[in-house]
Full PDB file with SEQRES, HELIX, SHEET, SSBOND, CRYST1, ORIGX, SCALE, CONECT and MASTER records, all heavy atoms in Angstrom:
SEQRES   1 A   38  ASN VAL ALA SER LYS TYR SER MET LEU ASN ARG LEU ASP          
SEQRES   2 A   38  PHE GLN GLU GLU ASP TYR ARG SER TRP TRP ILE LYS GLU          
SEQRES   3 A   38  LEU ASP ALA GLY LYS GLY TYR GLN ALA ALA VAL CYS              
HELIX    1 AA1 TYR A   19  SER A   21  5                                   3    
SHEET    1 AA1 3 TYR A   6  MET A   8  0                                        
SHEET    2 AA1 3 TRP A  23  LEU A  27 -1                                        
SHEET    3 AA1 3 ALA A  35  VAL A  37 -1                                        
CRYST1    1.000    1.000    1.000  90.00  90.00  90.00 P 1           1          
ORIGX1      1.000000  0.000000  0.000000        0.00000                         
ORIGX2      0.000000  1.000000  0.000000        0.00000                         
ORIGX3      0.000000  0.000000  1.000000        0.00000                         
SCALE1      1.000000  0.000000  0.000000        0.00000                         
SCALE2      0.000000  1.000000  0.000000        0.00000                         
SCALE3      0.000000  0.000000  1.000000        0.00000                         
ATOM      1  N   ASN A   1    -131.817  -0.253 152.837  1.00  0.00           N  
ATOM      2  CA  ASN A   1    -133.013   0.593 152.871  1.00  0.00           C  
ATOM      3  C   ASN A   1    -134.182  -0.230 153.388  1.00  0.00           C  
ATOM      4  O   ASN A   1    -134.652  -1.129 152.700  1.00  0.00           O  
ATOM      5  CB  ASN A   1    -133.296   1.134 151.469  1.00  0.00           C  
ATOM      6  CG  ASN A   1    -134.399   2.178 151.461  1.00  0.00           C  
ATOM      7  OD1 ASN A   1    -135.318   2.135 152.263  1.00  0.00           O  
ATOM      8  ND2 ASN A   1    -134.300   3.123 150.541  1.00  0.00           N  
ATOM      9  N   VAL A   2    -134.629   0.069 154.585  1.00  0.00           N  
ATOM     10  CA  VAL A   2    -135.709  -0.711 155.193  1.00  0.00           C  
ATOM     11  C   VAL A   2    -137.070  -0.197 154.761  1.00  0.00           C  
ATOM     12  O   VAL A   2    -138.056  -0.929 154.739  1.00  0.00           O  
ATOM     13  CB  VAL A   2    -135.601  -0.684 156.734  1.00  0.00           C  
ATOM     14  CG1 VAL A   2    -136.629  -1.599 157.367  1.00  0.00           C  
ATOM     15  CG2 VAL A   2    -134.214  -1.099 157.164  1.00  0.00           C  
ATOM     16  N   ALA A   3    -137.147   1.063 154.391  1.00  0.00           N  
ATOM     17  CA  ALA A   3    -138.431   1.685 154.058  1.00  0.00           C  
ATOM     18  C   ALA A   3    -138.990   1.203 152.726  1.00  0.00           C  
ATOM     19  O   ALA A   3    -140.201   1.263 152.492  1.00  0.00           O  
ATOM     20  CB  ALA A   3    -138.285   3.206 154.040  1.00  0.00           C  
ATOM     21  N   SER A   4    -138.121   0.724 151.833  1.00  0.00           N  
ATOM     22  CA  SER A   4    -138.555   0.336 150.496  1.00  0.00           C  
ATOM     23  C   SER A   4    -138.418  -1.174 150.306  1.00  0.00           C  
ATOM     24  O   SER A   4    -137.474  -1.782 150.792  1.00  0.00           O  
ATOM     25  CB  SER A   4    -137.705   1.058 149.442  1.00  0.00           C  
ATOM     26  OG  SER A   4    -138.026   0.601 148.150  1.00  0.00           O  
ATOM     27  N   LYS A   5    -139.378  -1.763 149.577  1.00  0.00           N  
ATOM     28  CA  LYS A   5    -139.321  -3.198 149.300  1.00  0.00           C  
ATOM     29  C   LYS A   5    -138.276  -3.537 148.240  1.00  0.00           C  
ATOM     30  O   LYS A   5    -137.826  -4.671 148.136  1.00  0.00           O  
ATOM     31  CB  LYS A   5    -140.698  -3.714 148.880  1.00  0.00           C  
ATOM     32  CG  LYS A   5    -141.720  -3.742 150.011  1.00  0.00           C  
ATOM     33  CD  LYS A   5    -143.011  -4.386 149.570  1.00  0.00           C  
ATOM     34  CE  LYS A   5    -144.013  -4.468 150.712  1.00  0.00           C  
ATOM     35  NZ  LYS A   5    -143.552  -5.342 151.798  1.00  0.00           N  
ATOM     36  N   TYR A   6    -137.914  -2.531 147.410  1.00  0.00           N  
ATOM     37  CA  TYR A   6    -136.881  -2.763 146.392  1.00  0.00           C  
ATOM     38  C   TYR A   6    -136.098  -1.479 146.187  1.00  0.00           C  
ATOM     39  O   TYR A   6    -136.657  -0.454 145.780  1.00  0.00           O  
ATOM     40  CB  TYR A   6    -137.501  -3.212 145.074  1.00  0.00           C  
ATOM     41  CG  TYR A   6    -136.462  -3.496 143.992  1.00  0.00           C  
ATOM     42  CD1 TYR A   6    -135.402  -4.365 144.253  1.00  0.00           C  
ATOM     43  CD2 TYR A   6    -136.530  -2.908 142.741  1.00  0.00           C  
ATOM     44  CE1 TYR A   6    -134.438  -4.638 143.286  1.00  0.00           C  
ATOM     45  CE2 TYR A   6    -135.577  -3.179 141.769  1.00  0.00           C  
ATOM     46  CZ  TYR A   6    -134.544  -4.042 142.045  1.00  0.00           C  
ATOM     47  OH  TYR A   6    -133.586  -4.314 141.094  1.00  0.00           O  
ATOM     48  N   SER A   7    -134.819  -1.519 146.500  1.00  0.00           N  
ATOM     49  CA  SER A   7    -133.998  -0.315 146.385  1.00  0.00           C  
ATOM     50  C   SER A   7    -132.521  -0.699 146.391  1.00  0.00           C  
ATOM     51  O   SER A   7    -132.149  -1.826 146.721  1.00  0.00           O  
ATOM     52  CB  SER A   7    -134.280   0.639 147.539  1.00  0.00           C  
ATOM     53  OG  SER A   7    -133.879   0.054 148.768  1.00  0.00           O  
ATOM     54  N   MET A   8    -131.673   0.264 146.048  1.00  0.00           N  
ATOM     55  CA  MET A   8    -130.237   0.067 146.139  1.00  0.00           C  
ATOM     56  C   MET A   8    -129.780   0.245 147.584  1.00  0.00           C  
ATOM     57  O   MET A   8    -130.553   0.697 148.444  1.00  0.00           O  
ATOM     58  CB  MET A   8    -129.508   1.060 145.233  1.00  0.00           C  
ATOM     59  CG  MET A   8    -129.611   2.507 145.660  1.00  0.00           C  
ATOM     60  SD  MET A   8    -128.708   3.646 144.584  1.00  0.00           S  
ATOM     61  CE  MET A   8    -129.707   3.570 143.103  1.00  0.00           C  
ATOM     62  N   LEU A   9    -128.552  -0.135 147.862  1.00  0.00           N  
ATOM     63  CA  LEU A   9    -127.977   0.123 149.175  1.00  0.00           C  
ATOM     64  C   LEU A   9    -128.006   1.619 149.470  1.00  0.00           C  
ATOM     65  O   LEU A   9    -127.927   2.450 148.563  1.00  0.00           O  
ATOM     66  CB  LEU A   9    -126.525  -0.356 149.234  1.00  0.00           C  
ATOM     67  CG  LEU A   9    -126.236  -1.852 149.360  1.00  0.00           C  
ATOM     68  CD1 LEU A   9    -124.728  -2.061 149.425  1.00  0.00           C  
ATOM     69  CD2 LEU A   9    -126.893  -2.454 150.581  1.00  0.00           C  
ATOM     70  N   ASN A  10    -128.103   1.957 150.743  1.00  0.00           N  
ATOM     71  CA  ASN A  10    -128.019   3.370 151.144  1.00  0.00           C  
ATOM     72  C   ASN A  10    -126.574   3.848 151.234  1.00  0.00           C  
ATOM     73  O   ASN A  10    -126.277   5.016 150.985  1.00  0.00           O  
ATOM     74  CB  ASN A  10    -128.680   3.579 152.505  1.00  0.00           C  
ATOM     75  CG  ASN A  10    -130.189   3.626 152.403  1.00  0.00           C  
ATOM     76  OD1 ASN A  10    -130.743   3.757 151.317  1.00  0.00           O  
ATOM     77  ND2 ASN A  10    -130.855   3.519 153.541  1.00  0.00           N  
ATOM     78  N   ARG A  11    -125.677   2.916 151.603  1.00  0.00           N  
ATOM     79  CA  ARG A  11    -124.276   3.293 151.833  1.00  0.00           C  
ATOM     80  C   ARG A  11    -123.422   2.046 151.790  1.00  0.00           C  
ATOM     81  O   ARG A  11    -123.864   0.971 152.171  1.00  0.00           O  
ATOM     82  CB  ARG A  11    -124.138   3.964 153.209  1.00  0.00           C  
ATOM     83  CG  ARG A  11    -122.696   4.318 153.624  1.00  0.00           C  
ATOM     84  CD  ARG A  11    -122.688   4.898 155.053  1.00  0.00           C  
ATOM     85  NE  ARG A  11    -123.106   3.919 156.035  1.00  0.00           N  
ATOM     86  CZ  ARG A  11    -122.265   3.102 156.683  1.00  0.00           C  
ATOM     87  NH1 ARG A  11    -120.971   3.140 156.435  1.00  0.00           N  
ATOM     88  NH2 ARG A  11    -122.726   2.251 157.593  1.00  0.00           N  
ATOM     89  N   LEU A  12    -122.171   2.183 151.308  1.00  0.00           N  
ATOM     90  CA  LEU A  12    -121.218   1.087 151.328  1.00  0.00           C  
ATOM     91  C   LEU A  12    -119.812   1.659 151.455  1.00  0.00           C  
ATOM     92  O   LEU A  12    -119.316   2.312 150.535  1.00  0.00           O  
ATOM     93  CB  LEU A  12    -121.322   0.247 150.045  1.00  0.00           C  
ATOM     94  CG  LEU A  12    -120.283  -0.876 149.875  1.00  0.00           C  
ATOM     95  CD1 LEU A  12    -120.339  -1.865 151.029  1.00  0.00           C  
ATOM     96  CD2 LEU A  12    -120.486  -1.587 148.536  1.00  0.00           C  
ATOM     97  N   ASP A  13    -119.188   1.439 152.596  1.00  0.00           N  
ATOM     98  CA  ASP A  13    -117.817   1.887 152.837  1.00  0.00           C  
ATOM     99  C   ASP A  13    -116.892   0.678 152.864  1.00  0.00           C  
ATOM    100  O   ASP A  13    -116.483   0.210 153.925  1.00  0.00           O  
ATOM    101  CB  ASP A  13    -117.723   2.657 154.165  1.00  0.00           C  
ATOM    102  CG  ASP A  13    -118.552   3.922 154.147  1.00  0.00           C  
ATOM    103  OD1 ASP A  13    -118.692   4.531 153.066  1.00  0.00           O  
ATOM    104  OD2 ASP A  13    -119.068   4.321 155.207  1.00  0.00           O  
ATOM    105  N   PHE A  14    -116.591   0.155 151.672  1.00  0.00           N  
ATOM    106  CA  PHE A  14    -115.756  -1.036 151.574  1.00  0.00           C  
ATOM    107  C   PHE A  14    -114.997  -0.996 150.257  1.00  0.00           C  
ATOM    108  O   PHE A  14    -115.596  -1.049 149.169  1.00  0.00           O  
ATOM    109  CB  PHE A  14    -116.610  -2.304 151.649  1.00  0.00           C  
ATOM    110  CG  PHE A  14    -115.818  -3.584 151.641  1.00  0.00           C  
ATOM    111  CD1 PHE A  14    -115.115  -3.984 152.763  1.00  0.00           C  
ATOM    112  CD2 PHE A  14    -115.763  -4.367 150.499  1.00  0.00           C  
ATOM    113  CE1 PHE A  14    -114.379  -5.161 152.752  1.00  0.00           C  
ATOM    114  CE2 PHE A  14    -115.039  -5.549 150.477  1.00  0.00           C  
ATOM    115  CZ  PHE A  14    -114.332  -5.933 151.609  1.00  0.00           C  
ATOM    116  N   GLN A  15    -113.693  -0.889 150.340  1.00  0.00           N  
ATOM    117  CA  GLN A  15    -112.804  -0.930 149.181  1.00  0.00           C  
ATOM    118  C   GLN A  15    -113.246   0.004 148.055  1.00  0.00           C  
ATOM    119  O   GLN A  15    -113.129  -0.314 146.870  1.00  0.00           O  
ATOM    120  CB  GLN A  15    -112.689  -2.367 148.660  1.00  0.00           C  
ATOM    121  CG  GLN A  15    -112.057  -3.328 149.662  1.00  0.00           C  
ATOM    122  CD  GLN A  15    -111.874  -4.723 149.112  1.00  0.00           C  
ATOM    123  OE1 GLN A  15    -112.345  -5.064 148.026  1.00  0.00           O  
ATOM    124  NE2 GLN A  15    -111.195  -5.572 149.871  1.00  0.00           N  
ATOM    125  N   GLU A  16    -113.785   1.163 148.431  1.00  0.00           N  
ATOM    126  CA  GLU A  16    -114.184   2.196 147.475  1.00  0.00           C  
ATOM    127  C   GLU A  16    -115.199   1.692 146.445  1.00  0.00           C  
ATOM    128  O   GLU A  16    -115.282   2.202 145.317  1.00  0.00           O  
ATOM    129  CB  GLU A  16    -112.958   2.783 146.763  1.00  0.00           C  
ATOM    130  CG  GLU A  16    -111.972   3.432 147.731  1.00  0.00           C  
ATOM    131  CD  GLU A  16    -110.806   4.071 147.007  1.00  0.00           C  
ATOM    132  OE1 GLU A  16    -110.710   3.945 145.773  1.00  0.00           O  
ATOM    133  OE2 GLU A  16    -109.986   4.711 147.694  1.00  0.00           O  
ATOM    134  N   GLU A  17    -115.984   0.700 146.815  1.00  0.00           N  
ATOM    135  CA  GLU A  17    -117.017   0.202 145.903  1.00  0.00           C  
ATOM    136  C   GLU A  17    -118.193   1.169 145.851  1.00  0.00           C  
ATOM    137  O   GLU A  17    -118.475   1.882 146.802  1.00  0.00           O  
ATOM    138  CB  GLU A  17    -117.504  -1.185 146.354  1.00  0.00           C  
ATOM    139  CG  GLU A  17    -116.487  -2.282 146.171  1.00  0.00           C  
ATOM    140  CD  GLU A  17    -117.098  -3.662 146.370  1.00  0.00           C  
ATOM    141  OE1 GLU A  17    -118.303  -3.819 146.137  1.00  0.00           O  
ATOM    142  OE2 GLU A  17    -116.363  -4.567 146.771  1.00  0.00           O  
ATOM    143  N   ASP A  18    -118.910   1.144 144.732  1.00  0.00           N  
ATOM    144  CA  ASP A  18    -120.059   2.017 144.526  1.00  0.00           C  
ATOM    145  C   ASP A  18    -121.321   1.327 145.046  1.00  0.00           C  
ATOM    146  O   ASP A  18    -121.722   0.279 144.530  1.00  0.00           O  
ATOM    147  CB  ASP A  18    -120.205   2.332 143.039  1.00  0.00           C  
ATOM    148  CG  ASP A  18    -121.290   3.377 142.766  1.00  0.00           C  
ATOM    149  OD1 ASP A  18    -121.975   3.784 143.715  1.00  0.00           O  
ATOM    150  OD2 ASP A  18    -121.428   3.768 141.598  1.00  0.00           O  
ATOM    151  N   TYR A  19    -121.932   1.909 146.067  1.00  0.00           N  
ATOM    152  CA  TYR A  19    -123.132   1.301 146.655  1.00  0.00           C  
ATOM    153  C   TYR A  19    -124.288   1.265 145.648  1.00  0.00           C  
ATOM    154  O   TYR A  19    -125.204   0.442 145.770  1.00  0.00           O  
ATOM    155  CB  TYR A  19    -123.559   2.075 147.911  1.00  0.00           C  
ATOM    156  CG  TYR A  19    -124.106   3.463 147.649  1.00  0.00           C  
ATOM    157  CD1 TYR A  19    -125.474   3.672 147.468  1.00  0.00           C  
ATOM    158  CD2 TYR A  19    -123.273   4.573 147.584  1.00  0.00           C  
ATOM    159  CE1 TYR A  19    -125.977   4.940 147.224  1.00  0.00           C  
ATOM    160  CE2 TYR A  19    -123.765   5.837 147.351  1.00  0.00           C  
ATOM    161  CZ  TYR A  19    -125.117   6.019 147.169  1.00  0.00           C  
ATOM    162  OH  TYR A  19    -125.616   7.272 146.931  1.00  0.00           O  
ATOM    163  N   ARG A  20    -124.245   2.125 144.643  1.00  0.00           N  
ATOM    164  CA  ARG A  20    -125.350   2.199 143.680  1.00  0.00           C  
ATOM    165  C   ARG A  20    -125.394   1.007 142.735  1.00  0.00           C  
ATOM    166  O   ARG A  20    -126.336   0.867 141.954  1.00  0.00           O  
ATOM    167  CB  ARG A  20    -125.241   3.500 142.878  1.00  0.00           C  
ATOM    168  CG  ARG A  20    -125.488   4.741 143.731  1.00  0.00           C  
ATOM    169  CD  ARG A  20    -125.122   6.012 143.009  1.00  0.00           C  
ATOM    170  NE  ARG A  20    -123.680   6.064 142.735  1.00  0.00           N  
ATOM    171  CZ  ARG A  20    -123.065   7.124 142.204  1.00  0.00           C  
ATOM    172  NH1 ARG A  20    -123.765   8.197 141.891  1.00  0.00           N  
ATOM    173  NH2 ARG A  20    -121.758   7.102 141.994  1.00  0.00           N  
ATOM    174  N   SER A  21    -124.383   0.131 142.820  1.00  0.00           N  
ATOM    175  CA  SER A  21    -124.382  -1.076 141.985  1.00  0.00           C  
ATOM    176  C   SER A  21    -125.265  -2.178 142.561  1.00  0.00           C  
ATOM    177  O   SER A  21    -125.620  -3.124 141.842  1.00  0.00           O  
ATOM    178  CB  SER A  21    -122.954  -1.619 141.843  1.00  0.00           C  
ATOM    179  OG  SER A  21    -122.107  -0.679 141.250  1.00  0.00           O  
ATOM    180  N   TRP A  22    -125.602  -2.072 143.848  1.00  0.00           N  
ATOM    181  CA  TRP A  22    -126.256  -3.182 144.534  1.00  0.00           C  
ATOM    182  C   TRP A  22    -127.725  -2.878 144.798  1.00  0.00           C  
ATOM    183  O   TRP A  22    -128.064  -1.858 145.383  1.00  0.00           O  
ATOM    184  CB  TRP A  22    -125.542  -3.482 145.852  1.00  0.00           C  
ATOM    185  CG  TRP A  22    -124.136  -3.916 145.635  1.00  0.00           C  
ATOM    186  CD1 TRP A  22    -123.008  -3.143 145.688  1.00  0.00           C  
ATOM    187  CD2 TRP A  22    -123.701  -5.235 145.301  1.00  0.00           C  
ATOM    188  NE1 TRP A  22    -121.894  -3.898 145.421  1.00  0.00           N  
ATOM    189  CE2 TRP A  22    -122.282  -5.183 145.173  1.00  0.00           C  
ATOM    190  CE3 TRP A  22    -124.346  -6.449 145.099  1.00  0.00           C  
ATOM    191  CZ2 TRP A  22    -121.531  -6.299 144.859  1.00  0.00           C  
ATOM    192  CZ3 TRP A  22    -123.591  -7.562 144.781  1.00  0.00           C  
ATOM    193  CH2 TRP A  22    -122.201  -7.485 144.667  1.00  0.00           C  
ATOM    194  N   TRP A  23    -128.580  -3.816 144.401  1.00  0.00           N  
ATOM    195  CA  TRP A  23    -130.030  -3.675 144.547  1.00  0.00           C  
ATOM    196  C   TRP A  23    -130.580  -4.841 145.371  1.00  0.00           C  
ATOM    197  O   TRP A  23    -130.198  -5.993 145.152  1.00  0.00           O  
ATOM    198  CB  TRP A  23    -130.701  -3.646 143.178  1.00  0.00           C  
ATOM    199  CG  TRP A  23    -130.415  -2.381 142.430  1.00  0.00           C  
ATOM    200  CD1 TRP A  23    -129.277  -2.082 141.723  1.00  0.00           C  
ATOM    201  CD2 TRP A  23    -131.263  -1.244 142.332  1.00  0.00           C  
ATOM    202  NE1 TRP A  23    -129.374  -0.826 141.195  1.00  0.00           N  
ATOM    203  CE2 TRP A  23    -130.575  -0.282 141.544  1.00  0.00           C  
ATOM    204  CE3 TRP A  23    -132.532  -0.929 142.818  1.00  0.00           C  
ATOM    205  CZ2 TRP A  23    -131.126   0.965 141.236  1.00  0.00           C  
ATOM    206  CZ3 TRP A  23    -133.082   0.300 142.514  1.00  0.00           C  
ATOM    207  CH2 TRP A  23    -132.378   1.229 141.731  1.00  0.00           C  
ATOM    208  N   ILE A  24    -131.486  -4.523 146.294  1.00  0.00           N  
ATOM    209  CA  ILE A  24    -132.024  -5.542 147.206  1.00  0.00           C  
ATOM    210  C   ILE A  24    -133.548  -5.488 147.197  1.00  0.00           C  
ATOM    211  O   ILE A  24    -134.143  -4.403 147.270  1.00  0.00           O  
ATOM    212  CB  ILE A  24    -131.517  -5.327 148.644  1.00  0.00           C  
ATOM    213  CG1 ILE A  24    -129.988  -5.267 148.674  1.00  0.00           C  
ATOM    214  CG2 ILE A  24    -132.011  -6.459 149.554  1.00  0.00           C  
ATOM    215  CD1 ILE A  24    -129.419  -4.946 150.037  1.00  0.00           C  
ATOM    216  N   LYS A  25    -134.158  -6.661 147.141  1.00  0.00           N  
ATOM    217  CA  LYS A  25    -135.624  -6.762 147.134  1.00  0.00           C  
ATOM    218  C   LYS A  25    -136.105  -7.693 148.237  1.00  0.00           C  
ATOM    219  O   LYS A  25    -135.551  -8.776 148.430  1.00  0.00           O  
ATOM    220  CB  LYS A  25    -136.122  -7.290 145.787  1.00  0.00           C  
ATOM    221  CG  LYS A  25    -137.645  -7.463 145.711  1.00  0.00           C  
ATOM    222  CD  LYS A  25    -138.087  -7.935 144.347  1.00  0.00           C  
ATOM    223  CE  LYS A  25    -139.585  -8.237 144.315  1.00  0.00           C  
ATOM    224  NZ  LYS A  25    -140.406  -7.063 144.696  1.00  0.00           N  
ATOM    225  N   GLU A  26    -137.144  -7.257 148.951  1.00  0.00           N  
ATOM    226  CA  GLU A  26    -137.807  -8.136 149.911  1.00  0.00           C  
ATOM    227  C   GLU A  26    -138.591  -9.209 149.163  1.00  0.00           C  
ATOM    228  O   GLU A  26    -139.173  -8.951 148.110  1.00  0.00           O  
ATOM    229  CB  GLU A  26    -138.770  -7.337 150.793  1.00  0.00           C  
ATOM    230  CG  GLU A  26    -138.111  -6.373 151.750  1.00  0.00           C  
ATOM    231  CD  GLU A  26    -139.127  -5.583 152.562  1.00  0.00           C  
ATOM    232  OE1 GLU A  26    -140.300  -6.040 152.663  1.00  0.00           O  
ATOM    233  OE2 GLU A  26    -138.772  -4.514 153.072  1.00  0.00           O  
ATOM    234  N   LEU A  27    -138.606 -10.420 149.719  1.00  0.00           N  
ATOM    235  CA  LEU A  27    -139.348 -11.528 149.130  1.00  0.00           C  
ATOM    236  C   LEU A  27    -140.416 -12.013 150.096  1.00  0.00           C  
ATOM    237  O   LEU A  27    -140.246 -11.942 151.319  1.00  0.00           O  
ATOM    238  CB  LEU A  27    -138.405 -12.692 148.810  1.00  0.00           C  
ATOM    239  CG  LEU A  27    -137.263 -12.411 147.835  1.00  0.00           C  
ATOM    240  CD1 LEU A  27    -136.361 -13.640 147.732  1.00  0.00           C  
ATOM    241  CD2 LEU A  27    -137.784 -12.018 146.472  1.00  0.00           C  
ATOM    242  N   ASP A  28    -141.509 -12.511 149.556  1.00  0.00           N  
ATOM    243  CA  ASP A  28    -142.570 -13.097 150.372  1.00  0.00           C  
ATOM    244  C   ASP A  28    -142.251 -14.578 150.565  1.00  0.00           C  
ATOM    245  O   ASP A  28    -142.373 -15.376 149.635  1.00  0.00           O  
ATOM    246  CB  ASP A  28    -143.916 -12.919 149.685  1.00  0.00           C  
ATOM    247  CG  ASP A  28    -145.076 -13.488 150.516  1.00  0.00           C  
ATOM    248  OD1 ASP A  28    -144.830 -13.919 151.668  1.00  0.00           O  
ATOM    249  OD2 ASP A  28    -146.214 -13.499 150.010  1.00  0.00           O  
ATOM    250  N   ALA A  29    -141.854 -14.939 151.780  1.00  0.00           N  
ATOM    251  CA  ALA A  29    -141.497 -16.335 152.068  1.00  0.00           C  
ATOM    252  C   ALA A  29    -142.566 -17.035 152.904  1.00  0.00           C  
ATOM    253  O   ALA A  29    -142.357 -18.154 153.351  1.00  0.00           O  
ATOM    254  CB  ALA A  29    -140.149 -16.394 152.787  1.00  0.00           C  
ATOM    255  N   GLY A  30    -143.684 -16.364 153.124  1.00  0.00           N  
ATOM    256  CA  GLY A  30    -144.747 -16.971 153.905  1.00  0.00           C  
ATOM    257  C   GLY A  30    -144.753 -16.506 155.355  1.00  0.00           C  
ATOM    258  O   GLY A  30    -143.810 -15.880 155.834  1.00  0.00           O  
ATOM    259  N   LYS A  31    -145.821 -16.824 156.053  1.00  0.00           N  
ATOM    260  CA  LYS A  31    -146.005 -16.394 157.436  1.00  0.00           C  
ATOM    261  C   LYS A  31    -144.887 -16.927 158.326  1.00  0.00           C  
ATOM    262  O   LYS A  31    -144.541 -18.107 158.283  1.00  0.00           O  
ATOM    263  CB  LYS A  31    -147.352 -16.877 157.964  1.00  0.00           C  
ATOM    264  CG  LYS A  31    -147.685 -16.368 159.355  1.00  0.00           C  
ATOM    265  CD  LYS A  31    -149.061 -16.822 159.791  1.00  0.00           C  
ATOM    266  CE  LYS A  31    -149.398 -16.299 161.183  1.00  0.00           C  
ATOM    267  NZ  LYS A  31    -150.745 -16.738 161.636  1.00  0.00           N  
ATOM    268  N   GLY A  32    -144.324 -16.032 159.133  1.00  0.00           N  
ATOM    269  CA  GLY A  32    -143.281 -16.421 160.068  1.00  0.00           C  
ATOM    270  C   GLY A  32    -141.883 -16.382 159.496  1.00  0.00           C  
ATOM    271  O   GLY A  32    -140.920 -16.691 160.201  1.00  0.00           O  
ATOM    272  N   TYR A  33    -141.751 -15.994 158.224  1.00  0.00           N  
ATOM    273  CA  TYR A  33    -140.445 -15.949 157.568  1.00  0.00           C  
ATOM    274  C   TYR A  33    -140.206 -14.571 156.952  1.00  0.00           C  
ATOM    275  O   TYR A  33    -141.146 -13.854 156.621  1.00  0.00           O  
ATOM    276  CB  TYR A  33    -140.347 -17.000 156.457  1.00  0.00           C  
ATOM    277  CG  TYR A  33    -140.283 -18.419 156.953  1.00  0.00           C  
ATOM    278  CD1 TYR A  33    -141.449 -19.116 157.269  1.00  0.00           C  
ATOM    279  CD2 TYR A  33    -139.073 -19.072 157.104  1.00  0.00           C  
ATOM    280  CE1 TYR A  33    -141.403 -20.424 157.724  1.00  0.00           C  
ATOM    281  CE2 TYR A  33    -139.013 -20.387 157.558  1.00  0.00           C  
ATOM    282  CZ  TYR A  33    -140.182 -21.058 157.863  1.00  0.00           C  
ATOM    283  OH  TYR A  33    -140.130 -22.358 158.316  1.00  0.00           O  
ATOM    284  N   GLN A  34    -138.951 -14.241 156.798  1.00  0.00           N  
ATOM    285  CA  GLN A  34    -138.539 -13.037 156.081  1.00  0.00           C  
ATOM    286  C   GLN A  34    -137.452 -13.450 155.098  1.00  0.00           C  
ATOM    287  O   GLN A  34    -136.615 -14.307 155.407  1.00  0.00           O  
ATOM    288  CB  GLN A  34    -137.996 -11.991 157.047  1.00  0.00           C  
ATOM    289  CG  GLN A  34    -137.800 -10.620 156.435  1.00  0.00           C  
ATOM    290  CD  GLN A  34    -139.116  -9.947 156.071  1.00  0.00           C  
ATOM    291  OE1 GLN A  34    -139.363  -9.656 154.909  1.00  0.00           O  
ATOM    292  NE2 GLN A  34    -139.945  -9.708 157.049  1.00  0.00           N  
ATOM    293  N   ALA A  35    -137.439 -12.834 153.913  1.00  0.00           N  
ATOM    294  CA  ALA A  35    -136.455 -13.197 152.908  1.00  0.00           C  
ATOM    295  C   ALA A  35    -136.122 -11.988 152.038  1.00  0.00           C  
ATOM    296  O   ALA A  35    -136.900 -11.041 151.934  1.00  0.00           O  
ATOM    297  CB  ALA A  35    -136.956 -14.349 152.034  1.00  0.00           C  
ATOM    298  N   ALA A  36    -134.947 -12.039 151.394  1.00  0.00           N  
ATOM    299  CA  ALA A  36    -134.510 -10.966 150.503  1.00  0.00           C  
ATOM    300  C   ALA A  36    -133.549 -11.523 149.472  1.00  0.00           C  
ATOM    301  O   ALA A  36    -132.873 -12.535 149.703  1.00  0.00           O  
ATOM    302  CB  ALA A  36    -133.844  -9.845 151.294  1.00  0.00           C  
ATOM    303  N   VAL A  37    -133.484 -10.833 148.319  1.00  0.00           N  
ATOM    304  CA  VAL A  37    -132.538 -11.187 147.269  1.00  0.00           C  
ATOM    305  C   VAL A  37    -131.762  -9.939 146.877  1.00  0.00           C  
ATOM    306  O   VAL A  37    -132.304  -8.836 146.890  1.00  0.00           O  
ATOM    307  CB  VAL A  37    -133.258 -11.789 146.030  1.00  0.00           C  
ATOM    308  CG1 VAL A  37    -134.240 -10.803 145.427  1.00  0.00           C  
ATOM    309  CG2 VAL A  37    -132.253 -12.275 144.998  1.00  0.00           C  
ATOM    310  N   CYS A  38    -130.485 -10.110 146.557  1.00  0.00           N  
ATOM    311  CA  CYS A  38    -129.622  -8.990 146.193  1.00  0.00           C  
ATOM    312  C   CYS A  38    -128.897  -9.303 144.883  1.00  0.00           C  
ATOM    313  O   CYS A  38    -128.438 -10.429 144.672  1.00  0.00           O  
ATOM    314  CB  CYS A  38    -128.606  -8.722 147.305  1.00  0.00           C  
ATOM    315  SG  CYS A  38    -127.422  -7.412 146.923  1.00  0.00           S  
TER     316      CYS A  38                                                      
MASTER        0    0    0    1    3    0    0    6  315    1    0    3          
END                                                                             
């Protein structure tokens, strides 16, 4: 999900896993950098 700074996956088609288990947050890594944690 690019629109939100913190959200679950939008979709996951892998071994019947539930995409709603995974949450991702954008992190502030400073100017010139991009970061995220899951």
